N, C-alpha and C. Protein backbone atom coordinates (compact mmCIF):
# COMPACT_ATOMS: atom_id res chain seq x y z
N MET A 1 40.81 -22.06 -22.14
CA MET A 1 41.03 -21.40 -20.72
C MET A 1 42.03 -20.35 -20.87
N SER A 2 41.79 -19.23 -20.16
CA SER A 2 42.82 -18.20 -20.09
C SER A 2 43.88 -18.58 -19.15
N THR A 3 45.15 -18.43 -19.64
CA THR A 3 46.27 -18.73 -18.73
C THR A 3 46.38 -17.77 -17.64
N VAL A 4 45.77 -16.59 -17.73
CA VAL A 4 45.94 -15.58 -16.57
C VAL A 4 45.20 -16.19 -15.37
N THR A 5 44.29 -17.04 -15.56
CA THR A 5 43.57 -17.61 -14.37
C THR A 5 44.50 -18.36 -13.51
N LEU A 6 45.42 -19.01 -13.96
CA LEU A 6 46.36 -19.81 -13.12
C LEU A 6 47.10 -18.88 -12.18
N SER A 7 47.67 -17.79 -12.67
CA SER A 7 48.34 -16.76 -11.85
C SER A 7 47.42 -16.22 -10.81
N LYS A 8 46.23 -15.96 -11.16
CA LYS A 8 45.23 -15.41 -10.24
C LYS A 8 44.89 -16.40 -9.20
N ALA A 9 44.71 -17.68 -9.60
CA ALA A 9 44.38 -18.84 -8.60
C ALA A 9 45.52 -18.97 -7.57
N MET A 10 46.76 -18.80 -8.08
CA MET A 10 47.95 -18.89 -7.27
C MET A 10 47.82 -17.83 -6.19
N ALA A 11 47.59 -16.54 -6.68
CA ALA A 11 47.70 -15.37 -5.90
C ALA A 11 46.46 -15.39 -4.83
N GLU A 12 45.43 -16.08 -5.21
CA GLU A 12 44.28 -16.13 -4.31
C GLU A 12 44.38 -17.38 -3.43
N LEU A 13 45.43 -18.10 -3.51
CA LEU A 13 45.70 -19.44 -2.71
C LEU A 13 44.59 -20.46 -2.89
N GLU A 14 44.08 -20.56 -4.10
CA GLU A 14 43.04 -21.55 -4.43
C GLU A 14 43.69 -22.87 -4.86
N GLU A 15 44.05 -23.65 -3.89
CA GLU A 15 44.86 -24.91 -4.11
C GLU A 15 44.24 -25.80 -5.15
N ASP A 16 43.00 -26.18 -4.98
CA ASP A 16 42.35 -27.10 -5.95
C ASP A 16 42.33 -26.49 -7.36
N GLN A 17 42.02 -25.28 -7.39
CA GLN A 17 42.07 -24.58 -8.85
C GLN A 17 43.36 -24.67 -9.43
N VAL A 18 44.44 -24.33 -8.61
CA VAL A 18 45.83 -24.28 -9.11
C VAL A 18 46.21 -25.69 -9.68
N LEU A 19 46.05 -26.73 -8.87
CA LEU A 19 46.35 -28.06 -9.37
C LEU A 19 45.55 -28.49 -10.51
N ALA A 20 44.25 -28.16 -10.58
CA ALA A 20 43.48 -28.54 -11.75
C ALA A 20 43.89 -27.88 -13.00
N GLN A 21 44.23 -26.62 -12.85
CA GLN A 21 44.67 -25.82 -14.08
C GLN A 21 45.96 -26.32 -14.53
N VAL A 22 46.92 -26.62 -13.58
CA VAL A 22 48.34 -27.06 -14.09
C VAL A 22 48.07 -28.34 -14.89
N LYS A 23 47.14 -29.18 -14.44
CA LYS A 23 46.94 -30.49 -15.15
C LYS A 23 46.32 -30.19 -16.58
N GLU A 24 45.36 -29.22 -16.52
CA GLU A 24 44.61 -28.84 -17.72
C GLU A 24 45.45 -28.23 -18.74
N LEU A 25 46.37 -27.33 -18.29
CA LEU A 25 47.32 -26.67 -19.21
C LEU A 25 48.32 -27.68 -19.89
N LEU A 26 48.81 -28.67 -18.98
CA LEU A 26 49.67 -29.69 -19.49
C LEU A 26 48.91 -30.47 -20.52
N GLY A 27 47.67 -30.89 -20.26
CA GLY A 27 46.89 -31.60 -21.10
C GLY A 27 46.66 -30.94 -22.49
N SER A 28 46.59 -29.63 -22.38
CA SER A 28 46.35 -28.82 -23.76
C SER A 28 47.67 -28.47 -24.48
N GLY A 29 48.82 -29.04 -23.94
CA GLY A 29 50.05 -28.82 -24.65
C GLY A 29 50.93 -27.68 -24.27
N VAL A 30 50.53 -27.06 -23.18
CA VAL A 30 51.37 -25.84 -22.72
C VAL A 30 52.68 -26.33 -22.10
N ALA A 31 53.74 -25.75 -22.43
CA ALA A 31 55.10 -26.22 -22.01
C ALA A 31 55.19 -26.05 -20.50
N PRO A 32 55.70 -27.05 -19.83
CA PRO A 32 55.93 -26.95 -18.39
C PRO A 32 56.53 -25.67 -17.92
N LEU A 33 57.59 -25.24 -18.61
CA LEU A 33 58.36 -24.00 -18.15
C LEU A 33 57.37 -22.82 -18.22
N GLU A 34 56.49 -22.77 -19.23
CA GLU A 34 55.49 -21.64 -19.26
C GLU A 34 54.65 -21.75 -18.05
N ILE A 35 54.24 -22.92 -17.62
CA ILE A 35 53.25 -23.03 -16.44
C ILE A 35 54.01 -22.60 -15.17
N VAL A 36 55.30 -22.86 -15.14
CA VAL A 36 56.09 -22.38 -14.03
C VAL A 36 56.09 -20.86 -13.96
N LYS A 37 56.23 -20.27 -15.15
CA LYS A 37 56.31 -18.77 -15.25
C LYS A 37 54.92 -18.24 -14.68
N LEU A 38 53.88 -18.83 -15.09
CA LEU A 38 52.53 -18.38 -14.65
C LEU A 38 52.35 -18.47 -13.10
N LEU A 39 52.90 -19.63 -12.58
CA LEU A 39 52.81 -19.90 -11.10
C LEU A 39 53.71 -18.79 -10.35
N GLN A 40 54.79 -18.51 -11.05
CA GLN A 40 55.77 -17.45 -10.39
C GLN A 40 55.05 -16.07 -10.36
N GLU A 41 54.32 -15.82 -11.40
CA GLU A 41 53.66 -14.44 -11.41
C GLU A 41 52.58 -14.38 -10.22
N GLY A 42 51.83 -15.53 -9.99
CA GLY A 42 51.07 -15.60 -8.88
C GLY A 42 51.78 -15.48 -7.57
N MET A 43 52.96 -16.14 -7.49
CA MET A 43 53.74 -15.96 -6.25
C MET A 43 54.28 -14.56 -5.99
N LEU A 44 54.53 -13.93 -7.13
CA LEU A 44 55.05 -12.53 -6.98
C LEU A 44 53.90 -11.64 -6.36
N GLU A 45 52.64 -11.93 -6.81
CA GLU A 45 51.56 -11.13 -6.24
C GLU A 45 51.33 -11.53 -4.77
N VAL A 46 51.56 -12.80 -4.45
CA VAL A 46 51.48 -13.27 -2.99
C VAL A 46 52.47 -12.40 -2.16
N GLY A 47 53.71 -12.32 -2.78
CA GLY A 47 54.79 -11.50 -2.04
C GLY A 47 54.39 -10.05 -1.91
N ASN A 48 53.79 -9.46 -3.00
CA ASN A 48 53.32 -8.17 -2.89
C ASN A 48 52.37 -7.92 -1.89
N ARG A 49 51.37 -8.84 -1.79
CA ARG A 49 50.29 -8.68 -0.69
C ARG A 49 50.90 -8.87 0.63
N PHE A 50 51.99 -9.66 0.73
CA PHE A 50 52.51 -9.90 2.11
C PHE A 50 53.31 -8.56 2.55
N GLU A 51 53.97 -7.98 1.51
CA GLU A 51 54.69 -6.66 1.70
C GLU A 51 53.68 -5.53 2.15
N ARG A 52 52.48 -5.60 1.54
CA ARG A 52 51.40 -4.55 1.84
C ARG A 52 50.84 -4.84 3.20
N GLY A 53 50.95 -6.03 3.71
CA GLY A 53 50.19 -6.39 4.95
C GLY A 53 48.82 -6.98 4.70
N ASP A 54 48.56 -7.34 3.41
CA ASP A 54 47.21 -7.95 3.11
C ASP A 54 47.38 -9.44 3.43
N TYR A 55 48.51 -9.96 3.26
CA TYR A 55 48.77 -11.44 3.58
C TYR A 55 49.69 -11.46 4.86
N PHE A 56 49.64 -12.57 5.53
CA PHE A 56 50.63 -12.73 6.72
C PHE A 56 51.37 -14.07 6.45
N LEU A 57 52.16 -14.39 7.50
CA LEU A 57 53.08 -15.46 7.34
C LEU A 57 52.33 -16.83 7.00
N SER A 58 51.18 -16.88 7.62
CA SER A 58 50.33 -18.15 7.33
C SER A 58 49.96 -18.29 5.87
N GLU A 59 49.67 -17.13 5.22
CA GLU A 59 49.34 -17.17 3.78
C GLU A 59 50.61 -17.47 2.92
N LEU A 60 51.76 -16.91 3.41
CA LEU A 60 52.95 -17.31 2.72
C LEU A 60 53.28 -18.70 2.79
N ILE A 61 53.14 -19.31 3.93
CA ILE A 61 53.41 -20.78 4.09
C ILE A 61 52.41 -21.58 3.22
N MET A 62 51.15 -21.17 3.22
CA MET A 62 50.16 -21.75 2.40
C MET A 62 50.47 -21.70 0.93
N ALA A 63 50.97 -20.53 0.50
CA ALA A 63 51.32 -20.41 -0.97
C ALA A 63 52.45 -21.30 -1.27
N GLY A 64 53.46 -21.42 -0.31
CA GLY A 64 54.54 -22.34 -0.53
C GLY A 64 54.10 -23.81 -0.68
N GLU A 65 53.10 -24.22 0.05
CA GLU A 65 52.61 -25.62 0.07
C GLU A 65 51.93 -25.80 -1.36
N ILE A 66 51.17 -24.81 -1.76
CA ILE A 66 50.42 -24.92 -3.08
C ILE A 66 51.42 -25.09 -4.18
N MET A 67 52.43 -24.21 -4.02
CA MET A 67 53.48 -24.21 -5.12
C MET A 67 54.25 -25.49 -5.18
N ARG A 68 54.52 -26.09 -3.95
CA ARG A 68 55.16 -27.39 -4.00
C ARG A 68 54.38 -28.42 -4.65
N GLY A 69 53.07 -28.43 -4.37
CA GLY A 69 52.02 -29.38 -4.89
C GLY A 69 52.10 -29.34 -6.48
N ALA A 70 52.08 -28.00 -6.97
CA ALA A 70 52.19 -27.83 -8.40
C ALA A 70 53.52 -28.28 -9.00
N MET A 71 54.53 -28.03 -8.21
CA MET A 71 55.92 -28.43 -8.84
C MET A 71 56.07 -29.93 -8.74
N ASP A 72 55.39 -30.64 -7.86
CA ASP A 72 55.40 -32.11 -7.87
C ASP A 72 54.95 -32.64 -9.16
N ILE A 73 53.93 -31.92 -9.71
CA ILE A 73 53.35 -32.42 -11.03
C ILE A 73 54.33 -32.05 -12.15
N LEU A 74 54.97 -30.88 -12.00
CA LEU A 74 55.70 -30.36 -13.11
C LEU A 74 57.18 -30.87 -13.20
N GLU A 75 57.70 -31.09 -11.98
CA GLU A 75 59.14 -31.43 -11.92
C GLU A 75 59.60 -32.63 -12.85
N PRO A 76 58.84 -33.81 -12.77
CA PRO A 76 59.18 -34.93 -13.61
C PRO A 76 59.32 -34.56 -15.08
N LEU A 77 58.48 -33.54 -15.55
CA LEU A 77 58.42 -33.18 -16.93
C LEU A 77 59.55 -32.16 -17.28
N LEU A 78 60.16 -31.68 -16.30
CA LEU A 78 61.31 -30.73 -16.59
C LEU A 78 62.69 -31.40 -16.42
N SER A 79 62.64 -32.69 -16.22
CA SER A 79 63.92 -33.38 -16.03
C SER A 79 64.75 -33.39 -17.27
N GLY A 80 66.03 -33.18 -17.01
CA GLY A 80 66.98 -33.20 -18.17
C GLY A 80 67.00 -34.49 -18.91
N GLU A 81 67.09 -34.43 -20.15
CA GLU A 81 67.10 -35.60 -21.03
C GLU A 81 68.45 -36.39 -20.77
N SER A 82 69.48 -35.74 -20.58
CA SER A 82 70.72 -36.36 -20.53
C SER A 82 71.18 -36.64 -19.08
N GLY A 83 71.90 -37.80 -18.84
CA GLY A 83 72.35 -38.10 -17.47
C GLY A 83 73.64 -37.31 -17.18
N GLU A 84 74.23 -36.64 -18.23
CA GLU A 84 75.47 -35.85 -18.01
C GLU A 84 75.11 -34.55 -17.37
N HIS A 85 75.89 -34.17 -16.47
CA HIS A 85 75.76 -32.85 -15.81
C HIS A 85 76.45 -31.78 -16.63
N LYS A 86 75.84 -30.63 -16.75
CA LYS A 86 76.60 -29.59 -17.61
C LYS A 86 77.50 -28.82 -16.71
N GLY A 87 77.32 -28.98 -15.44
CA GLY A 87 78.22 -28.24 -14.52
C GLY A 87 77.56 -28.16 -13.14
N THR A 88 78.30 -27.69 -12.16
CA THR A 88 77.88 -27.55 -10.80
C THR A 88 77.52 -26.22 -10.36
N VAL A 89 76.39 -25.94 -9.76
CA VAL A 89 75.95 -24.67 -9.20
C VAL A 89 75.72 -24.85 -7.69
N VAL A 90 76.27 -23.89 -6.97
CA VAL A 90 75.96 -23.84 -5.43
C VAL A 90 74.97 -22.81 -5.27
N ILE A 91 73.92 -23.11 -4.39
CA ILE A 91 72.89 -22.19 -4.15
C ILE A 91 72.34 -22.17 -2.72
N GLY A 92 71.99 -21.12 -2.18
CA GLY A 92 71.56 -21.02 -0.82
C GLY A 92 70.91 -19.68 -0.48
N THR A 93 70.04 -19.69 0.63
CA THR A 93 69.44 -18.38 1.02
C THR A 93 70.37 -17.80 2.18
N VAL A 94 70.63 -16.54 2.00
CA VAL A 94 71.59 -15.85 2.89
C VAL A 94 71.27 -15.91 4.39
N LYS A 95 72.34 -15.67 5.21
CA LYS A 95 72.12 -15.68 6.74
C LYS A 95 71.05 -14.73 7.12
N GLY A 96 70.22 -15.22 8.00
CA GLY A 96 69.11 -14.33 8.48
C GLY A 96 67.81 -14.43 7.80
N ASP A 97 67.82 -15.15 6.60
CA ASP A 97 66.63 -15.31 5.80
C ASP A 97 66.28 -16.75 5.71
N ILE A 98 64.99 -17.08 5.90
CA ILE A 98 64.63 -18.51 5.89
C ILE A 98 63.63 -18.80 4.67
N HIS A 99 63.51 -17.91 3.78
CA HIS A 99 62.67 -18.14 2.63
C HIS A 99 63.37 -19.04 1.57
N ASP A 100 62.73 -20.12 1.13
CA ASP A 100 63.30 -20.98 0.20
C ASP A 100 62.50 -21.33 -1.03
N LEU A 101 61.31 -20.62 -1.13
CA LEU A 101 60.48 -20.96 -2.27
C LEU A 101 61.15 -20.57 -3.64
N GLY A 102 61.57 -19.36 -3.76
CA GLY A 102 62.23 -18.96 -4.97
C GLY A 102 63.52 -19.79 -5.29
N LYS A 103 64.25 -20.03 -4.27
CA LYS A 103 65.45 -20.92 -4.44
C LYS A 103 65.08 -22.27 -4.88
N ASN A 104 64.04 -22.80 -4.36
CA ASN A 104 63.77 -24.25 -4.72
C ASN A 104 63.15 -24.30 -6.18
N ILE A 105 62.51 -23.24 -6.54
CA ILE A 105 62.07 -23.24 -7.99
C ILE A 105 63.35 -23.20 -8.93
N VAL A 106 64.30 -22.27 -8.56
CA VAL A 106 65.42 -22.20 -9.44
C VAL A 106 66.22 -23.59 -9.44
N ILE A 107 66.37 -24.18 -8.28
CA ILE A 107 67.02 -25.46 -8.21
C ILE A 107 66.35 -26.51 -9.16
N MET A 108 65.08 -26.47 -9.09
CA MET A 108 64.26 -27.48 -9.90
C MET A 108 64.54 -27.22 -11.45
N LEU A 109 64.56 -25.90 -11.75
CA LEU A 109 64.85 -25.59 -13.18
C LEU A 109 66.25 -25.88 -13.57
N LEU A 110 67.18 -25.63 -12.78
CA LEU A 110 68.57 -25.93 -12.96
C LEU A 110 68.71 -27.40 -13.22
N LYS A 111 68.18 -28.24 -12.27
CA LYS A 111 68.30 -29.63 -12.35
C LYS A 111 67.67 -30.19 -13.65
N GLY A 112 66.49 -29.63 -13.96
CA GLY A 112 65.76 -30.02 -15.13
C GLY A 112 66.51 -29.69 -16.40
N ALA A 113 67.31 -28.67 -16.38
CA ALA A 113 68.15 -28.31 -17.57
C ALA A 113 69.43 -29.03 -17.54
N GLY A 114 69.72 -29.94 -16.55
CA GLY A 114 70.93 -30.76 -16.60
C GLY A 114 72.10 -30.44 -15.76
N TYR A 115 71.88 -29.37 -14.83
CA TYR A 115 72.99 -29.01 -13.96
C TYR A 115 72.92 -29.82 -12.66
N LYS A 116 74.13 -29.98 -12.04
CA LYS A 116 74.17 -30.54 -10.66
C LYS A 116 74.07 -29.34 -9.70
N VAL A 117 73.17 -29.50 -8.82
CA VAL A 117 72.93 -28.32 -7.87
C VAL A 117 73.18 -28.75 -6.36
N VAL A 118 74.10 -27.95 -5.69
CA VAL A 118 74.35 -28.15 -4.39
C VAL A 118 73.58 -27.18 -3.52
N ASP A 119 72.50 -27.64 -2.83
CA ASP A 119 71.60 -26.80 -2.11
C ASP A 119 72.06 -26.63 -0.68
N LEU A 120 72.48 -25.50 -0.31
CA LEU A 120 72.96 -25.20 1.11
C LEU A 120 71.80 -25.02 2.04
N GLY A 121 70.53 -24.81 1.56
CA GLY A 121 69.43 -24.58 2.42
C GLY A 121 69.20 -23.02 2.70
N VAL A 122 68.68 -22.80 3.93
CA VAL A 122 68.37 -21.32 4.25
C VAL A 122 69.28 -20.99 5.47
N ASP A 123 69.26 -19.52 5.58
CA ASP A 123 69.98 -19.05 6.84
C ASP A 123 71.48 -19.55 6.71
N VAL A 124 72.06 -19.39 5.45
CA VAL A 124 73.43 -19.97 5.22
C VAL A 124 74.48 -18.88 5.61
N PRO A 125 75.42 -19.21 6.55
CA PRO A 125 76.54 -18.27 6.88
C PRO A 125 77.47 -18.20 5.71
N LYS A 126 78.11 -16.96 5.75
CA LYS A 126 79.09 -16.74 4.56
C LYS A 126 80.14 -17.77 4.46
N GLU A 127 80.58 -18.27 5.61
CA GLU A 127 81.65 -19.35 5.60
C GLU A 127 81.28 -20.60 4.88
N ARG A 128 79.90 -20.88 4.91
CA ARG A 128 79.44 -22.11 4.31
C ARG A 128 79.50 -21.92 2.79
N PHE A 129 79.12 -20.81 2.25
CA PHE A 129 79.22 -20.57 0.88
C PHE A 129 80.66 -20.76 0.39
N VAL A 130 81.61 -20.19 1.09
CA VAL A 130 83.03 -20.36 0.77
C VAL A 130 83.46 -21.85 0.80
N GLU A 131 83.13 -22.54 1.79
CA GLU A 131 83.46 -23.96 1.85
C GLU A 131 82.88 -24.72 0.68
N ALA A 132 81.63 -24.52 0.43
CA ALA A 132 80.95 -25.24 -0.68
C ALA A 132 81.57 -25.01 -2.03
N ILE A 133 81.96 -23.78 -2.28
CA ILE A 133 82.60 -23.49 -3.52
C ILE A 133 84.01 -24.09 -3.65
N LYS A 134 84.65 -24.12 -2.53
CA LYS A 134 85.95 -24.86 -2.50
C LYS A 134 85.87 -26.34 -2.66
N GLU A 135 84.84 -26.88 -2.11
CA GLU A 135 84.61 -28.28 -2.18
C GLU A 135 84.23 -28.74 -3.57
N THR A 136 83.42 -27.92 -4.23
CA THR A 136 82.89 -28.42 -5.54
C THR A 136 83.56 -27.72 -6.78
N ASN A 137 84.34 -26.62 -6.46
CA ASN A 137 84.93 -25.86 -7.63
C ASN A 137 83.83 -25.32 -8.56
N ALA A 138 82.66 -25.02 -7.93
CA ALA A 138 81.59 -24.60 -8.81
C ALA A 138 81.86 -23.15 -9.38
N PRO A 139 81.71 -23.05 -10.65
CA PRO A 139 81.92 -21.65 -11.34
C PRO A 139 80.80 -20.65 -11.10
N LEU A 140 79.69 -21.16 -10.45
CA LEU A 140 78.50 -20.27 -10.29
C LEU A 140 77.94 -20.55 -8.87
N VAL A 141 77.64 -19.45 -8.21
CA VAL A 141 76.90 -19.64 -6.89
C VAL A 141 75.74 -18.69 -6.96
N GLY A 142 74.57 -19.20 -6.47
CA GLY A 142 73.36 -18.40 -6.43
C GLY A 142 72.99 -18.11 -4.99
N MET A 143 72.65 -16.85 -4.66
CA MET A 143 72.22 -16.43 -3.28
C MET A 143 70.83 -15.83 -3.40
N SER A 144 69.98 -16.47 -2.61
CA SER A 144 68.63 -15.93 -2.61
C SER A 144 68.34 -15.10 -1.30
N VAL A 145 67.51 -14.07 -1.55
CA VAL A 145 67.17 -13.29 -0.41
C VAL A 145 65.85 -12.60 -0.62
N LEU A 146 64.97 -12.60 0.39
CA LEU A 146 63.64 -12.05 0.31
C LEU A 146 63.53 -10.85 1.21
N LEU A 147 64.27 -10.88 2.33
CA LEU A 147 64.14 -9.84 3.36
C LEU A 147 65.04 -8.66 3.07
N THR A 148 64.57 -7.43 3.03
CA THR A 148 65.49 -6.27 2.63
C THR A 148 66.51 -6.16 3.78
N SER A 149 66.13 -6.55 5.06
CA SER A 149 67.06 -6.46 6.16
C SER A 149 68.35 -7.40 5.94
N CYS A 150 68.34 -8.27 4.98
CA CYS A 150 69.42 -9.17 4.84
C CYS A 150 70.44 -8.76 3.70
N GLN A 151 70.23 -7.56 3.24
CA GLN A 151 71.24 -7.01 2.21
C GLN A 151 72.60 -7.03 2.72
N GLY A 152 72.88 -6.70 3.92
CA GLY A 152 74.15 -6.69 4.56
C GLY A 152 74.78 -8.09 4.52
N ALA A 153 73.99 -9.07 4.86
CA ALA A 153 74.51 -10.48 4.87
C ALA A 153 74.86 -10.93 3.45
N LEU A 154 74.12 -10.44 2.51
CA LEU A 154 74.33 -10.71 1.15
C LEU A 154 75.73 -10.20 0.72
N LYS A 155 75.93 -8.89 1.02
CA LYS A 155 77.25 -8.36 0.72
C LYS A 155 78.41 -9.04 1.40
N GLU A 156 78.18 -9.41 2.76
CA GLU A 156 79.23 -10.03 3.54
C GLU A 156 79.60 -11.34 2.90
N ALA A 157 78.60 -12.13 2.41
CA ALA A 157 78.89 -13.49 1.84
C ALA A 157 79.70 -13.30 0.55
N ILE A 158 79.39 -12.34 -0.27
CA ILE A 158 80.06 -12.09 -1.55
C ILE A 158 81.48 -11.66 -1.22
N ASP A 159 81.66 -10.77 -0.20
CA ASP A 159 83.00 -10.22 0.24
C ASP A 159 83.80 -11.37 0.71
N ALA A 160 83.18 -12.39 1.41
CA ALA A 160 83.98 -13.53 1.92
C ALA A 160 84.43 -14.38 0.79
N ILE A 161 83.71 -14.54 -0.28
CA ILE A 161 84.03 -15.37 -1.45
C ILE A 161 85.19 -14.66 -2.14
N ARG A 162 85.06 -13.43 -2.33
CA ARG A 162 86.17 -12.56 -3.03
C ARG A 162 87.36 -12.58 -2.13
N GLY A 163 87.23 -12.51 -0.86
CA GLY A 163 88.28 -12.45 0.12
C GLY A 163 89.14 -13.78 0.13
N ALA A 164 88.30 -14.85 -0.16
CA ALA A 164 89.08 -16.16 -0.20
C ALA A 164 89.71 -16.41 -1.42
N GLY A 165 89.69 -15.47 -2.36
CA GLY A 165 90.48 -15.54 -3.64
C GLY A 165 89.63 -16.37 -4.67
N LEU A 166 88.41 -16.56 -4.52
CA LEU A 166 87.59 -17.38 -5.39
C LEU A 166 86.96 -16.46 -6.48
N ASP A 167 87.13 -16.89 -7.73
CA ASP A 167 86.56 -16.03 -8.79
C ASP A 167 85.28 -16.56 -9.29
N THR A 168 84.65 -17.35 -8.51
CA THR A 168 83.24 -17.83 -8.77
C THR A 168 82.33 -16.70 -9.21
N LYS A 169 81.50 -16.85 -10.22
CA LYS A 169 80.45 -15.88 -10.50
C LYS A 169 79.35 -15.88 -9.46
N VAL A 170 78.72 -14.80 -9.17
CA VAL A 170 77.70 -14.78 -8.05
C VAL A 170 76.48 -14.19 -8.67
N ILE A 171 75.33 -14.93 -8.69
CA ILE A 171 73.98 -14.42 -9.05
C ILE A 171 73.23 -14.25 -7.88
N ILE A 172 72.58 -13.09 -7.60
CA ILE A 172 71.62 -12.94 -6.41
C ILE A 172 70.24 -12.84 -7.03
N GLY A 173 69.27 -13.28 -6.13
CA GLY A 173 67.86 -13.24 -6.69
C GLY A 173 66.90 -13.04 -5.49
N GLY A 174 65.79 -12.42 -5.90
CA GLY A 174 64.76 -12.09 -4.90
C GLY A 174 63.79 -11.10 -5.43
N ASN A 175 62.68 -11.07 -4.88
CA ASN A 175 61.56 -10.09 -5.34
C ASN A 175 61.98 -8.69 -5.59
N TYR A 176 62.81 -8.09 -4.68
CA TYR A 176 63.18 -6.74 -4.70
C TYR A 176 64.61 -6.47 -5.34
N ILE A 177 65.28 -7.48 -5.70
CA ILE A 177 66.60 -7.36 -6.23
C ILE A 177 66.70 -6.56 -7.45
N ASP A 178 67.57 -5.63 -7.67
CA ASP A 178 67.73 -4.88 -8.87
C ASP A 178 69.19 -4.52 -8.96
N LYS A 179 69.54 -3.77 -10.04
CA LYS A 179 70.82 -3.41 -10.36
C LYS A 179 71.56 -2.72 -9.26
N THR A 180 70.89 -1.82 -8.51
CA THR A 180 71.46 -1.08 -7.47
C THR A 180 71.95 -2.07 -6.30
N ILE A 181 71.11 -3.02 -6.01
CA ILE A 181 71.46 -4.02 -5.01
C ILE A 181 72.61 -4.82 -5.39
N LYS A 182 72.59 -5.24 -6.66
CA LYS A 182 73.64 -6.09 -7.32
C LYS A 182 74.95 -5.30 -7.20
N ASN A 183 75.01 -4.11 -7.44
CA ASN A 183 76.24 -3.30 -7.30
C ASN A 183 76.71 -3.06 -5.92
N PHE A 184 75.69 -2.90 -5.06
CA PHE A 184 75.97 -2.73 -3.57
C PHE A 184 76.62 -4.01 -3.01
N ALA A 185 76.11 -5.12 -3.40
CA ALA A 185 76.56 -6.43 -2.89
C ALA A 185 77.80 -6.96 -3.61
N GLY A 186 78.06 -6.45 -4.81
CA GLY A 186 79.21 -6.85 -5.49
C GLY A 186 79.02 -8.14 -6.31
N ALA A 187 77.64 -8.36 -6.54
CA ALA A 187 77.35 -9.60 -7.37
C ALA A 187 77.65 -9.37 -8.81
N ASP A 188 77.73 -10.52 -9.59
CA ASP A 188 77.96 -10.38 -10.98
C ASP A 188 76.71 -10.30 -11.81
N TYR A 189 75.70 -10.94 -11.25
CA TYR A 189 74.33 -10.97 -11.92
C TYR A 189 73.21 -10.80 -10.94
N PHE A 190 72.05 -10.43 -11.40
CA PHE A 190 70.89 -10.45 -10.45
C PHE A 190 69.71 -11.00 -11.28
N ALA A 191 68.76 -11.65 -10.51
CA ALA A 191 67.66 -12.27 -11.14
C ALA A 191 66.40 -11.89 -10.42
N THR A 192 65.30 -11.63 -11.16
CA THR A 192 64.01 -11.35 -10.47
C THR A 192 63.10 -12.52 -10.76
N ALA A 193 63.40 -13.39 -11.72
CA ALA A 193 62.59 -14.59 -12.06
C ALA A 193 63.49 -15.76 -12.03
N ALA A 194 62.93 -16.89 -11.78
CA ALA A 194 63.68 -18.15 -11.74
C ALA A 194 64.36 -18.49 -13.10
N THR A 195 63.69 -18.10 -14.09
CA THR A 195 64.21 -18.40 -15.40
C THR A 195 65.47 -17.58 -15.72
N ASP A 196 65.69 -16.38 -15.04
CA ASP A 196 66.91 -15.67 -15.31
C ASP A 196 68.14 -16.41 -14.81
N GLY A 197 67.96 -17.30 -13.83
CA GLY A 197 69.05 -18.14 -13.33
C GLY A 197 69.43 -19.11 -14.39
N LEU A 198 68.58 -19.61 -15.14
CA LEU A 198 68.79 -20.54 -16.26
C LEU A 198 69.58 -19.82 -17.30
N LYS A 199 69.28 -18.60 -17.61
CA LYS A 199 69.97 -17.86 -18.69
C LYS A 199 71.44 -17.58 -18.35
N VAL A 200 71.56 -17.31 -17.07
CA VAL A 200 73.00 -16.99 -16.64
C VAL A 200 73.84 -18.29 -16.56
N ALA A 201 73.25 -19.32 -16.11
CA ALA A 201 73.90 -20.71 -16.12
C ALA A 201 74.30 -21.04 -17.57
N ALA A 202 73.49 -20.86 -18.46
CA ALA A 202 73.71 -21.16 -19.87
C ALA A 202 74.91 -20.38 -20.37
N GLU A 203 74.88 -19.07 -19.96
CA GLU A 203 76.03 -18.19 -20.40
C GLU A 203 77.32 -18.57 -19.83
N ILE A 204 77.35 -18.92 -18.54
CA ILE A 204 78.58 -19.31 -17.85
C ILE A 204 79.16 -20.70 -18.27
N PHE A 205 78.24 -21.63 -18.46
CA PHE A 205 78.60 -22.98 -18.78
C PHE A 205 78.67 -23.28 -20.28
N GLY A 206 78.21 -22.16 -21.12
CA GLY A 206 78.20 -22.36 -22.51
C GLY A 206 77.33 -23.43 -22.99
N ALA A 207 76.25 -23.70 -22.22
CA ALA A 207 75.27 -24.76 -22.60
C ALA A 207 73.93 -24.27 -22.81
């Protein structure tokens, strides 16, 4: 089977195909993390079609449901071997944005790699990020954003963290995030794929 087909099935919102191929790939020995990457490629195409106006909110919601179904199969296989937590990461979608798909994939990968994750949910005000960091002493906070209109909220949240005297590292993620937006918002890292979050966590926690 060509692994490209899984990404295409995801992009085309073919739920039965996606779930069947996830199981088939697992059965043929493909690593769960590789399957997650293929699903993400499909989700990226869903996002692109939404941006172009080929897909609408209903398709986005459907894509989310298909992705959740696939992750239900994959998540148990990505669980960390050890009961010990490597460290705590706070994560949330910024104020004004209610997209949680990318965020949820990152959370699942971090948990699978042995991190404790404090999920603040979506539409998170800057004050909540600050509170959560103070409560947990987390050395890393992740902020997810999909809407370009929420760049200001992203910057405000990071300014609030810095203003509170917290030296927590901030990683921002989303389909359109790049170095320019990272610099604008004052973040330490940016991610365009869920696996980028894992790399940053490994760097910060030395694990």
